[in-house]
Amino acid sequence: MNFRHRQPVDLTEGVVRLSPLDLTDVVPHLAGEDTELVRWLSGGIGTRRSVEDYIRRCMAHPEWRGRASPSGR
């Protein structure tokens, strides 16, 4: 996979929009967090600080080049 693409990608069907996570995604992430997300993805209830810390760690990782992994891995 090429993680160097820095712009959001619109699929031609207009059904799904994928974009790298950044700190503006913290509040929407927390608003959308539910029991399934906690159980299968994050492993715990998120806080503003924990989500910000996660995104900052991902953004600092050279492989992601400023992107946080949507899978949390």
Protein backbone atom coordinates (compact mmCIF):
# COMPACT_ATOMS: atom_id res chain seq x y z
CA MET A 1 0.00 0.00 0.00
CA ASN A 2 1.11 3.50 -0.72
CA PHE A 3 0.59 5.69 2.36
CA ARG A 4 2.16 8.71 0.74
CA HIS A 5 -1.09 10.01 -0.81
CA ARG A 6 -1.97 13.02 1.34
CA GLN A 7 -5.34 14.13 -0.05
CA PRO A 8 -8.81 12.70 0.71
CA VAL A 9 -10.03 10.28 -1.92
CA ASP A 10 -13.56 10.41 -3.33
CA LEU A 11 -14.73 7.15 -4.88
CA THR A 12 -16.64 7.51 -8.13
CA GLU A 13 -19.80 6.05 -6.59
CA GLY A 14 -19.75 8.76 -3.92
CA VAL A 15 -20.56 6.18 -1.25
CA VAL A 16 -17.41 6.22 0.89
CA ARG A 17 -14.94 9.00 1.60
CA LEU A 18 -11.64 8.08 3.19
CA SER A 19 -9.24 10.63 4.54
CA PRO A 20 -6.33 10.62 6.97
CA LEU A 21 -7.24 11.28 10.59
CA ASP A 22 -6.10 14.52 12.13
CA LEU A 23 -6.86 16.38 15.33
CA THR A 24 -10.08 17.82 13.88
CA ASP A 25 -11.45 14.26 13.97
CA VAL A 26 -11.28 13.93 17.78
CA VAL A 27 -14.75 15.29 18.57
CA PRO A 28 -16.54 13.40 15.75
CA HIS A 29 -14.74 10.20 16.79
CA LEU A 30 -15.90 10.56 20.37
CA ALA A 31 -19.45 11.44 19.27
CA GLY A 32 -19.61 8.29 17.15
CA GLU A 33 -18.08 5.95 19.69
CA ASP A 34 -20.42 3.12 20.69
CA THR A 35 -20.12 -0.23 22.45
CA GLU A 36 -19.15 -2.08 19.26
CA LEU A 37 -16.38 0.39 18.45
CA VAL A 38 -15.06 0.13 22.01
CA ARG A 39 -15.26 -3.66 21.97
CA TRP A 40 -13.76 -4.39 18.56
CA LEU A 41 -11.53 -1.44 17.73
CA SER A 42 -10.30 0.74 20.54
CA GLY A 43 -10.46 -1.64 23.49
CA GLY A 44 -11.68 1.02 25.88
CA ILE A 45 -13.87 4.08 26.19
CA GLY A 46 -12.10 7.02 24.59
CA THR A 47 -11.47 10.38 26.13
CA ARG A 48 -10.52 13.55 24.34
CA ARG A 49 -6.98 13.18 25.62
CA SER A 50 -6.64 9.48 24.70
CA VAL A 51 -7.90 10.07 21.15
CA GLU A 52 -5.67 13.13 20.69
CA ASP A 53 -2.68 11.17 22.01
CA TYR A 54 -3.41 8.27 19.66
CA ILE A 55 -3.68 10.53 16.61
CA ARG A 56 -0.49 12.40 17.55
CA ARG A 57 1.41 9.10 17.96
CA CYS A 58 0.23 7.95 14.56
CA MET A 59 1.04 11.26 12.92
CA ALA A 60 4.58 11.03 14.33
CA HIS A 61 5.15 7.52 12.99
CA PRO A 62 7.25 7.75 9.81
CA GLU A 63 5.37 4.94 8.03
CA TRP A 64 2.09 6.86 8.19
CA ARG A 65 3.57 10.20 7.21
CA GLY A 66 0.96 12.18 9.09
CA ARG A 67 -1.93 9.73 8.93
CA ALA A 68 -3.59 7.87 11.76
CA SER A 69 -4.61 4.34 10.97
CA PRO A 70 -8.38 4.02 10.94
CA SER A 71 -8.05 0.51 12.34
CA GLY A 72 -6.07 1.66 15.34
CA ARG A 73 -3.16 -0.58 14.34
